[in-house]
Amino acid sequence: RSSFERTMLDWAGQLGVRCTIVEHSHLLTTQVCFTVTGPRRKIDEFLQGLRAEGTATMRAERMVMLSPL
C-alpha cells in the first residue's frame, strides 16, 4: 500500500498538481480516496496514471495470492 501511495504522490509532484490521500479502513480492506487539485488536463493525466498503477498493483497482488508458495 505505501509503495502505491508514494508512487501516486510522486506522480502528482511531477505533474505539478496537489494530491492528498485519505484512507478509510474497513474490516478486511482499506478504501483510499485521492483529492487532486490543479489544471484539468493535469488532473486527467494523473487519473490515467492512477488507473494504470491500480491495475498493475491488482495484477501483482493477484499473482501473489494465486502463487502455490
Protein backbone atom coordinates (compact mmCIF):
# COMPACT_ATOMS: atom_id res chain seq x y z
CA ARG A 1 0.00 0.00 0.00
CA SER A 2 2.69 2.50 0.90
CA SER A 3 4.54 2.00 -2.40
CA PHE A 4 1.31 2.64 -4.31
CA GLU A 5 0.66 5.83 -2.35
CA ARG A 6 4.26 7.02 -2.74
CA THR A 7 4.11 6.38 -6.49
CA MET A 8 0.93 8.44 -6.83
CA LEU A 9 2.25 11.30 -4.69
CA ASP A 10 5.46 11.37 -6.74
CA TRP A 11 3.43 11.35 -9.95
CA ALA A 12 1.31 14.27 -8.69
CA GLY A 13 4.50 16.19 -7.89
CA GLN A 14 5.88 15.60 -11.38
CA LEU A 15 2.63 16.86 -12.91
CA GLY A 16 2.51 19.90 -10.65
CA VAL A 17 -0.83 19.04 -9.04
CA ARG A 18 -1.67 18.82 -5.34
CA CYS A 19 -2.71 15.39 -4.06
CA THR A 20 -3.94 14.35 -0.63
CA ILE A 21 -4.75 10.78 0.39
CA VAL A 22 -7.43 9.74 2.88
CA GLU A 23 -7.77 6.13 4.00
CA HIS A 24 -11.00 4.56 5.16
CA SER A 25 -10.19 1.31 6.94
CA HIS A 26 -12.73 -1.49 6.90
CA LEU A 27 -12.63 -4.94 8.46
CA LEU A 28 -10.67 -6.68 5.67
CA THR A 29 -10.00 -3.86 3.21
CA THR A 30 -8.91 -0.27 3.06
CA GLN A 31 -10.57 2.25 0.77
CA VAL A 32 -8.31 5.04 -0.45
CA CYS A 33 -9.56 8.46 -1.54
CA PHE A 34 -7.38 10.79 -3.61
CA THR A 35 -8.15 14.51 -3.71
CA VAL A 36 -6.29 16.13 -6.59
CA THR A 37 -6.33 19.83 -7.42
CA GLY A 38 -4.74 21.64 -10.33
CA PRO A 39 -5.29 22.25 -14.03
CA ARG A 40 -7.92 19.97 -15.59
CA ARG A 41 -5.55 18.47 -18.18
CA LYS A 42 -3.04 17.61 -15.44
CA ILE A 43 -5.76 16.02 -13.30
CA ASP A 44 -6.82 13.92 -16.30
CA GLU A 45 -3.20 12.84 -16.76
CA PHE A 46 -2.99 11.97 -13.04
CA LEU A 47 -6.17 9.88 -13.40
CA GLN A 48 -4.66 7.92 -16.27
CA GLY A 49 -1.60 7.18 -14.14
CA LEU A 50 -3.78 6.22 -11.17
CA ARG A 51 -5.73 3.74 -13.27
CA ALA A 52 -2.56 2.22 -14.71
CA GLU A 53 -0.91 1.92 -11.29
CA GLY A 54 -4.07 0.45 -9.76
CA THR A 55 -4.31 -2.19 -12.48
CA ALA A 56 -0.63 -3.12 -12.11
CA THR A 57 -0.97 -3.35 -8.31
CA MET A 58 -4.05 -5.55 -8.52
CA ARG A 59 -2.33 -7.88 -11.00
CA ALA A 60 0.70 -8.22 -8.76
CA GLU A 61 -1.43 -8.92 -5.69
CA ARG A 62 -3.48 -11.49 -7.59
CA MET A 63 -0.33 -13.28 -8.75
CA VAL A 64 0.96 -13.43 -5.17
CA MET A 65 -2.35 -14.72 -3.82
CA LEU A 66 -2.57 -17.41 -6.51
CA SER A 67 1.04 -18.46 -6.07
CA PRO A 68 1.43 -22.04 -4.78
CA LEU A 69 4.03 -20.89 -2.23
